[in-house]
PDB file of N, CA and C in Angstrom:
ATOM      1  N   MET A   1      16.787   7.932 -11.180  1.00  0.00           N
ATOM      2  CA  MET A   1      16.641   6.505 -11.386  1.00  0.00           C
ATOM      3  C   MET A   1      15.417   6.277 -12.268  1.00  0.00           C
ATOM      4  N   THR A   2      15.569   5.448 -13.290  1.00  0.00           N
ATOM      5  CA  THR A   2      14.462   5.169 -14.187  1.00  0.00           C
ATOM      6  C   THR A   2      13.576   4.074 -13.620  1.00  0.00           C
ATOM      7  N   LYS A   3      12.430   3.931 -14.236  1.00  0.00           N
ATOM      8  CA  LYS A   3      11.457   2.951 -13.774  1.00  0.00           C
ATOM      9  C   LYS A   3      12.005   1.523 -13.838  1.00  0.00           C
ATOM     10  N   ASN A   4      12.836   1.222 -14.822  1.00  0.00           N
ATOM     11  CA  ASN A   4      13.318  -0.137 -15.020  1.00  0.00           C
ATOM     12  C   ASN A   4      14.707  -0.392 -14.454  1.00  0.00           C
ATOM     13  N   SER A   5      15.291   0.557 -13.747  1.00  0.00           N
ATOM     14  CA  SER A   5      16.629   0.359 -13.211  1.00  0.00           C
ATOM     15  C   SER A   5      16.560  -0.276 -11.823  1.00  0.00           C
ATOM     16  N   PHE A   6      17.671  -0.872 -11.420  1.00  0.00           N
ATOM     17  CA  PHE A   6      17.744  -1.456 -10.092  1.00  0.00           C
ATOM     18  C   PHE A   6      17.912  -0.361  -9.054  1.00  0.00           C
ATOM     19  N   PRO A   7      17.503  -0.630  -7.817  1.00  0.00           N
ATOM     20  CA  PRO A   7      17.689   0.376  -6.759  1.00  0.00           C
ATOM     21  C   PRO A   7      19.162   0.742  -6.613  1.00  0.00           C
ATOM     22  N   CYS A   8      19.400   1.980  -6.288  1.00  0.00           N
ATOM     23  CA  CYS A   8      20.786   2.424  -6.141  1.00  0.00           C
ATOM     24  C   CYS A   8      21.394   1.847  -4.867  1.00  0.00           C
ATOM     25  N   VAL A   9      22.695   1.722  -4.877  1.00  0.00           N
ATOM     26  CA  VAL A   9      23.417   1.235  -3.714  1.00  0.00           C
ATOM     27  C   VAL A   9      23.488   2.362  -2.698  1.00  0.00           C
ATOM     28  N   ARG A  10      23.232   2.054  -1.461  1.00  0.00           N
ATOM     29  CA  ARG A  10      23.222   3.053  -0.405  1.00  0.00           C
ATOM     30  C   ARG A  10      24.076   2.590   0.753  1.00  0.00           C
ATOM     31  N   LEU A  11      24.797   3.503   1.342  1.00  0.00           N
ATOM     32  CA  LEU A  11      25.600   3.208   2.518  1.00  0.00           C
ATOM     33  C   LEU A  11      24.697   3.361   3.744  1.00  0.00           C
ATOM     34  N   LEU A  12      24.638   2.331   4.571  1.00  0.00           N
ATOM     35  CA  LEU A  12      23.790   2.346   5.754  1.00  0.00           C
ATOM     36  C   LEU A  12      24.663   2.435   6.993  1.00  0.00           C
ATOM     37  N   PHE A  13      24.295   3.304   7.908  1.00  0.00           N
ATOM     38  CA  PHE A  13      25.075   3.517   9.132  1.00  0.00           C
ATOM     39  C   PHE A  13      24.357   2.937  10.334  1.00  0.00           C
ATOM     40  N   ALA A  14      25.122   2.303  11.209  1.00  0.00           N
ATOM     41  CA  ALA A  14      24.601   1.805  12.475  1.00  0.00           C
ATOM     42  C   ALA A  14      25.579   2.223  13.568  1.00  0.00           C
ATOM     43  N   GLY A  15      25.106   2.228  14.770  1.00  0.00           N
ATOM     44  CA  GLY A  15      25.947   2.577  15.915  1.00  0.00           C
ATOM     45  C   GLY A  15      25.158   3.399  16.904  1.00  0.00           C
ATOM     46  N   GLU A  16      25.661   3.492  18.111  1.00  0.00           N
ATOM     47  CA  GLU A  16      24.930   4.182  19.175  1.00  0.00           C
ATOM     48  C   GLU A  16      24.632   5.635  18.828  1.00  0.00           C
ATOM     49  N   ALA A  17      25.491   6.262  18.056  1.00  0.00           N
ATOM     50  CA  ALA A  17      25.265   7.669  17.710  1.00  0.00           C
ATOM     51  C   ALA A  17      24.139   7.857  16.696  1.00  0.00           C
ATOM     52  N   THR A  18      23.713   6.790  16.043  1.00  0.00           N
ATOM     53  CA  THR A  18      22.633   6.907  15.051  1.00  0.00           C
ATOM     54  C   THR A  18      21.272   6.551  15.632  1.00  0.00           C
ATOM     55  N   SER A  19      21.224   6.181  16.878  1.00  0.00           N
ATOM     56  CA  SER A  19      19.960   5.821  17.518  1.00  0.00           C
ATOM     57  C   SER A  19      19.225   7.080  17.980  1.00  0.00           C
ATOM     58  N   PRO A  20      18.005   7.285  17.480  1.00  0.00           N
ATOM     59  CA  PRO A  20      17.272   8.488  17.886  1.00  0.00           C
ATOM     60  C   PRO A  20      16.738   8.434  19.316  1.00  0.00           C
ATOM     61  N   THR A  21      16.575   7.222  19.864  1.00  0.00           N
ATOM     62  CA  THR A  21      15.975   7.112  21.195  1.00  0.00           C
ATOM     63  C   THR A  21      16.949   6.677  22.281  1.00  0.00           C
ATOM     64  N   ALA A  22      18.070   6.051  21.901  1.00  0.00           N
ATOM     65  CA  ALA A  22      19.010   5.547  22.907  1.00  0.00           C
ATOM     66  C   ALA A  22      20.426   5.984  22.552  1.00  0.00           C
ATOM     67  N   PHE A  23      20.581   7.249  22.243  1.00  0.00           N
ATOM     68  CA  PHE A  23      21.865   7.822  21.851  1.00  0.00           C
ATOM     69  C   PHE A  23      22.905   7.607  22.952  1.00  0.00           C
ATOM     70  N   GLY A  24      24.082   7.131  22.575  1.00  0.00           N
ATOM     71  CA  GLY A  24      25.184   6.999  23.529  1.00  0.00           C
ATOM     72  C   GLY A  24      25.108   5.791  24.442  1.00  0.00           C
ATOM     73  N   THR A  25      24.296   4.793  24.091  1.00  0.00           N
ATOM     74  CA  THR A  25      24.168   3.616  24.956  1.00  0.00           C
ATOM     75  C   THR A  25      24.425   2.340  24.162  1.00  0.00           C
ATOM     76  N   LEU A  26      24.762   1.283  24.871  1.00  0.00           N
ATOM     77  CA  LEU A  26      24.931  -0.020  24.238  1.00  0.00           C
ATOM     78  C   LEU A  26      23.607  -0.477  23.617  1.00  0.00           C
ATOM     79  N   HIS A  27      22.529  -0.201  24.298  1.00  0.00           N
ATOM     80  CA  HIS A  27      21.202  -0.549  23.785  1.00  0.00           C
ATOM     81  C   HIS A  27      20.948   0.150  22.450  1.00  0.00           C
ATOM     82  N   GLY A  28      21.341   1.405  22.357  1.00  0.00           N
ATOM     83  CA  GLY A  28      21.173   2.147  21.103  1.00  0.00           C
ATOM     84  C   GLY A  28      22.005   1.567  19.977  1.00  0.00           C
ATOM     85  N   ALA A  29      23.204   1.116  20.286  1.00  0.00           N
ATOM     86  CA  ALA A  29      24.060   0.483  19.276  1.00  0.00           C
ATOM     87  C   ALA A  29      23.408  -0.785  18.745  1.00  0.00           C
ATOM     88  N   ARG A  30      22.877  -1.596  19.663  1.00  0.00           N
ATOM     89  CA  ARG A  30      22.218  -2.834  19.239  1.00  0.00           C
ATOM     90  C   ARG A  30      20.977  -2.548  18.407  1.00  0.00           C
ATOM     91  N   LEU A  31      20.147  -1.623  18.870  1.00  0.00           N
ATOM     92  CA  LEU A  31      18.928  -1.294  18.128  1.00  0.00           C
ATOM     93  C   LEU A  31      19.234  -0.786  16.728  1.00  0.00           C
ATOM     94  N   SER A  32      20.257   0.046  16.606  1.00  0.00           N
ATOM     95  CA  SER A  32      20.581   0.582  15.286  1.00  0.00           C
ATOM     96  C   SER A  32      21.140  -0.516  14.376  1.00  0.00           C
ATOM     97  N   GLY A  33      21.860  -1.470  14.936  1.00  0.00           N
ATOM     98  CA  GLY A  33      22.352  -2.591  14.140  1.00  0.00           C
ATOM     99  C   GLY A  33      21.215  -3.453  13.617  1.00  0.00           C
ATOM    100  N   VAL A  34      20.244  -3.710  14.466  1.00  0.00           N
ATOM    101  CA  VAL A  34      19.059  -4.479  14.052  1.00  0.00           C
ATOM    102  C   VAL A  34      18.276  -3.700  12.993  1.00  0.00           C
ATOM    103  N   ARG A  35      18.131  -2.394  13.188  1.00  0.00           N
ATOM    104  CA  ARG A  35      17.411  -1.545  12.229  1.00  0.00           C
ATOM    105  C   ARG A  35      18.057  -1.629  10.848  1.00  0.00           C
ATOM    106  N   GLU A  36      19.381  -1.489  10.790  1.00  0.00           N
ATOM    107  CA  GLU A  36      20.069  -1.499   9.500  1.00  0.00           C
ATOM    108  C   GLU A  36      20.092  -2.890   8.881  1.00  0.00           C
ATOM    109  N   ALA A  37      20.160  -3.929   9.699  1.00  0.00           N
ATOM    110  CA  ALA A  37      20.086  -5.300   9.175  1.00  0.00           C
ATOM    111  C   ALA A  37      18.724  -5.533   8.521  1.00  0.00           C
ATOM    112  N   ASP A  38      17.664  -5.027   9.142  1.00  0.00           N
ATOM    113  CA  ASP A  38      16.326  -5.130   8.550  1.00  0.00           C
ATOM    114  C   ASP A  38      16.258  -4.398   7.215  1.00  0.00           C
ATOM    115  N   ARG A  39      16.885  -3.235   7.143  1.00  0.00           N
ATOM    116  CA  ARG A  39      16.901  -2.481   5.884  1.00  0.00           C
ATOM    117  C   ARG A  39      17.639  -3.241   4.790  1.00  0.00           C
ATOM    118  N   VAL A  40      18.755  -3.868   5.135  1.00  0.00           N
ATOM    119  CA  VAL A  40      19.507  -4.655   4.152  1.00  0.00           C
ATOM    120  C   VAL A  40      18.636  -5.803   3.635  1.00  0.00           C
ATOM    121  N   LEU A  41      17.977  -6.518   4.544  1.00  0.00           N
ATOM    122  CA  LEU A  41      17.115  -7.628   4.137  1.00  0.00           C
ATOM    123  C   LEU A  41      15.962  -7.153   3.266  1.00  0.00           C
ATOM    124  N   ASP A  42      15.355  -6.017   3.609  1.00  0.00           N
ATOM    125  CA  ASP A  42      14.265  -5.472   2.796  1.00  0.00           C
ATOM    126  C   ASP A  42      14.736  -5.151   1.387  1.00  0.00           C
ATOM    127  N   ARG A  43      15.916  -4.566   1.275  1.00  0.00           N
ATOM    128  CA  ARG A  43      16.459  -4.226  -0.045  1.00  0.00           C
ATOM    129  C   ARG A  43      16.779  -5.482  -0.843  1.00  0.00           C
ATOM    130  N   MET A  44      17.318  -6.499  -0.184  1.00  0.00           N
ATOM    131  CA  MET A  44      17.620  -7.754  -0.878  1.00  0.00           C
ATOM    132  C   MET A  44      16.337  -8.402  -1.399  1.00  0.00           C
ATOM    133  N   GLU A  45      15.291  -8.382  -0.598  1.00  0.00           N
ATOM    134  CA  GLU A  45      14.008  -8.951  -1.021  1.00  0.00           C
ATOM    135  C   GLU A  45      13.434  -8.167  -2.186  1.00  0.00           C
ATOM    136  N   ALA A  46      13.566  -6.839  -2.181  1.00  0.00           N
ATOM    137  CA  ALA A  46      13.065  -6.015  -3.281  1.00  0.00           C
ATOM    138  C   ALA A  46      13.802  -6.337  -4.576  1.00  0.00           C
ATOM    139  N   VAL A  47      15.109  -6.508  -4.497  1.00  0.00           N
ATOM    140  CA  VAL A  47      15.893  -6.844  -5.689  1.00  0.00           C
ATOM    141  C   VAL A  47      15.506  -8.227  -6.194  1.00  0.00           C
ATOM    142  N   GLU A  48      15.288  -9.187  -5.294  1.00  0.00           N
ATOM    143  CA  GLU A  48      14.874 -10.530  -5.706  1.00  0.00           C
ATOM    144  C   GLU A  48      13.509 -10.497  -6.383  1.00  0.00           C
ATOM    145  N   ARG A  49      12.561  -9.716  -5.834  1.00  0.00           N
ATOM    146  CA  ARG A  49      11.238  -9.587  -6.465  1.00  0.00           C
ATOM    147  C   ARG A  49      11.369  -8.985  -7.857  1.00  0.00           C
ATOM    148  N   MET A  50      12.212  -7.962  -7.981  1.00  0.00           N
ATOM    149  CA  MET A  50      12.410  -7.313  -9.264  1.00  0.00           C
ATOM    150  C   MET A  50      13.033  -8.287 -10.268  1.00  0.00           C
ATOM    151  N   ALA A  51      14.004  -9.069  -9.827  1.00  0.00           N
ATOM    152  CA  ALA A  51      14.651 -10.041 -10.711  1.00  0.00           C
ATOM    153  C   ALA A  51      13.664 -11.115 -11.156  1.00  0.00           C
ATOM    154  N   ARG A  52      12.799 -11.578 -10.236  1.00  0.00           N
ATOM    155  CA  ARG A  52      11.782 -12.565 -10.608  1.00  0.00           C
ATOM    156  C   ARG A  52      10.816 -11.978 -11.629  1.00  0.00           C
ATOM    157  N   GLU A  53      10.417 -10.725 -11.439  1.00  0.00           N
ATOM    158  CA  GLU A  53       9.491 -10.085 -12.372  1.00  0.00           C
ATOM    159  C   GLU A  53      10.134  -9.930 -13.742  1.00  0.00           C
ATOM    160  N   ILE A  54      11.390  -9.530 -13.778  1.00  0.00           N
ATOM    161  CA  ILE A  54      12.093  -9.404 -15.054  1.00  0.00           C
ATOM    162  C   ILE A  54      12.191 -10.768 -15.723  1.00  0.00           C
ATOM    163  N   GLY A  55      12.486 -11.798 -14.946  1.00  0.00           N
ATOM    164  CA  GLY A  55      12.557 -13.154 -15.496  1.00  0.00           C
ATOM    165  C   GLY A  55      11.217 -13.619 -16.020  1.00  0.00           C
ATOM    166  N   ARG A  56      10.148 -13.298 -15.314  1.00  0.00           N
ATOM    167  CA  ARG A  56       8.804 -13.687 -15.757  1.00  0.00           C
ATOM    168  C   ARG A  56       8.461 -13.005 -17.064  1.00  0.00           C
ATOM    169  N   ILE A  57       8.785 -11.729 -17.188  1.00  0.00           N
ATOM    170  CA  ILE A  57       8.511 -10.999 -18.423  1.00  0.00           C
ATOM    171  C   ILE A  57       9.315 -11.591 -19.574  1.00  0.00           C
ATOM    172  N   ALA A  58      10.577 -11.938 -19.316  1.00  0.00           N
ATOM    173  CA  ALA A  58      11.416 -12.518 -20.362  1.00  0.00           C
ATOM    174  C   ALA A  58      10.853 -13.857 -20.817  1.00  0.00           C
ATOM    175  N   VAL A  59      10.358 -14.681 -19.876  1.00  0.00           N
ATOM    176  CA  VAL A  59       9.788 -15.971 -20.235  1.00  0.00           C
ATOM    177  C   VAL A  59       8.530 -15.770 -21.069  1.00  0.00           C
ATOM    178  N   VAL A  60       7.664 -14.855 -20.684  1.00  0.00           N
ATOM    179  CA  VAL A  60       6.448 -14.576 -21.451  1.00  0.00           C
ATOM    180  C   VAL A  60       6.820 -14.098 -22.842  1.00  0.00           C
ATOM    181  N   HIS A  61       7.826 -13.269 -22.933  1.00  0.00           N
ATOM    182  CA  HIS A  61       8.290 -12.748 -24.212  1.00  0.00           C
ATOM    183  C   HIS A  61       8.747 -13.894 -25.113  1.00  0.00           C
ATOM    184  N   GLU A  62       9.501 -14.847 -24.573  1.00  0.00           N
ATOM    185  CA  GLU A  62       9.981 -15.978 -25.352  1.00  0.00           C
ATOM    186  C   GLU A  62       8.824 -16.891 -25.763  1.00  0.00           C
ATOM    187  N   VAL A  63       7.879 -17.131 -24.874  1.00  0.00           N
ATOM    188  CA  VAL A  63       6.741 -17.994 -25.174  1.00  0.00           C
ATOM    189  C   VAL A  63       5.915 -17.404 -26.307  1.00  0.00           C
ATOM    190  N   ASN A  64       5.794 -16.088 -26.327  1.00  0.00           N
ATOM    191  CA  ASN A  64       5.011 -15.426 -27.353  1.00  0.00           C
ATOM    192  C   ASN A  64       5.786 -15.199 -28.647  1.00  0.00           C
ATOM    193  N   GLY A  65       6.983 -15.738 -28.745  1.00  0.00           N
ATOM    194  CA  GLY A  65       7.744 -15.637 -29.982  1.00  0.00           C
ATOM    195  C   GLY A  65       8.598 -14.398 -30.094  1.00  0.00           C
ATOM    196  N   GLY A  66       8.851 -13.712 -29.004  1.00  0.00           N
ATOM    197  CA  GLY A  66       9.691 -12.518 -29.063  1.00  0.00           C
ATOM    198  C   GLY A  66      11.145 -12.890 -29.183  1.00  0.00           C
ATOM    199  N   GLY A  67      11.959 -11.903 -29.357  1.00  0.00           N
ATOM    200  CA  GLY A  67      13.393 -12.134 -29.398  1.00  0.00           C
ATOM    201  C   GLY A  67      13.908 -12.575 -30.745  1.00  0.00           C
ATOM    202  N   GLY A  68      13.336 -12.055 -31.831  1.00  0.00           N
ATOM    203  CA  GLY A  68      13.905 -12.337 -33.137  1.00  0.00           C
ATOM    204  C   GLY A  68      12.968 -13.067 -34.076  1.00  0.00           C
ATOM    205  N   GLY A  69      11.938 -13.700 -33.572  1.00  0.00           N
ATOM    206  CA  GLY A  69      11.006 -14.392 -34.445  1.00  0.00           C
ATOM    207  C   GLY A  69       9.944 -13.450 -34.970  1.00  0.00           C
ATOM    208  N   GLY A  70       8.992 -13.988 -35.684  1.00  0.00           N
ATOM    209  CA  GLY A  70       7.923 -13.161 -36.233  1.00  0.00           C
ATOM    210  C   GLY A  70       6.697 -13.122 -35.346  1.00  0.00           C
ATOM    211  N   GLY A  71       6.786 -13.686 -34.155  1.00  0.00           N
ATOM    212  CA  GLY A  71       5.627 -13.756 -33.258  1.00  0.00           C
ATOM    213  C   GLY A  71       5.357 -12.461 -32.539  1.00  0.00           C
ATOM    214  N   GLN A  72       4.429 -12.521 -31.622  1.00  0.00           N
ATOM    215  CA  GLN A  72       4.056 -11.350 -30.855  1.00  0.00           C
ATOM    216  C   GLN A  72       4.865 -11.273 -29.583  1.00  0.00           C
ATOM    217  N   ASN A  73       5.058 -10.039 -29.073  1.00  0.00           N
ATOM    218  CA  ASN A  73       5.711  -9.873 -27.784  1.00  0.00           C
ATOM    219  C   ASN A  73       4.683  -9.993 -26.674  1.00  0.00           C
ATOM    220  N   GLN A  74       5.091  -9.747 -25.428  1.00  0.00           N
ATOM    221  CA  GLN A  74       4.193  -9.927 -24.295  1.00  0.00           C
ATOM    222  C   GLN A  74       3.015  -8.954 -24.291  1.00  0.00           C
ATOM    223  N   PHE A  75       3.074  -7.914 -25.154  1.00  0.00           N
ATOM    224  CA  PHE A  75       1.986  -6.951 -25.232  1.00  0.00           C
ATOM    225  C   PHE A  75       1.053  -7.220 -26.418  1.00  0.00           C
ATOM    226  N   GLY A  76       1.359  -8.279 -27.177  1.00  0.00           N
ATOM    227  CA  GLY A  76       0.515  -8.642 -28.306  1.00  0.00           C
ATOM    228  C   GLY A  76       0.899  -7.969 -29.605  1.00  0.00           C
ATOM    229  N   PHE A  77       2.064  -7.335 -29.652  1.00  0.00           N
ATOM    230  CA  PHE A  77       2.527  -6.677 -30.867  1.00  0.00           C
ATOM    231  C   PHE A  77       3.537  -7.545 -31.584  1.00  0.00           C
ATOM    232  N   LYS A  78       3.578  -7.435 -32.898  1.00  0.00           N
ATOM    233  CA  LYS A  78       4.594  -8.155 -33.685  1.00  0.00           C
ATOM    234  C   LYS A  78       5.870  -7.377 -33.713  1.00  0.00           C
TER     235      LYS A  78
END
């Protein structure tokens, strides 16, 4: 994965058999479901942060005359 690429899609498993502390129990199934839901939310937030950063860079680039004009890009280069 390159520095500028989006995070890869990953398959997340939940269920009583994936619980390291409550294997084979209803409690373990619930805990693993909560664990994986938290992971999904964390990944969604990371993608949103990345999208906002990309959008911010694009806006700075446009303000500085990038994208086809003779102005400078966000790094100060023509």
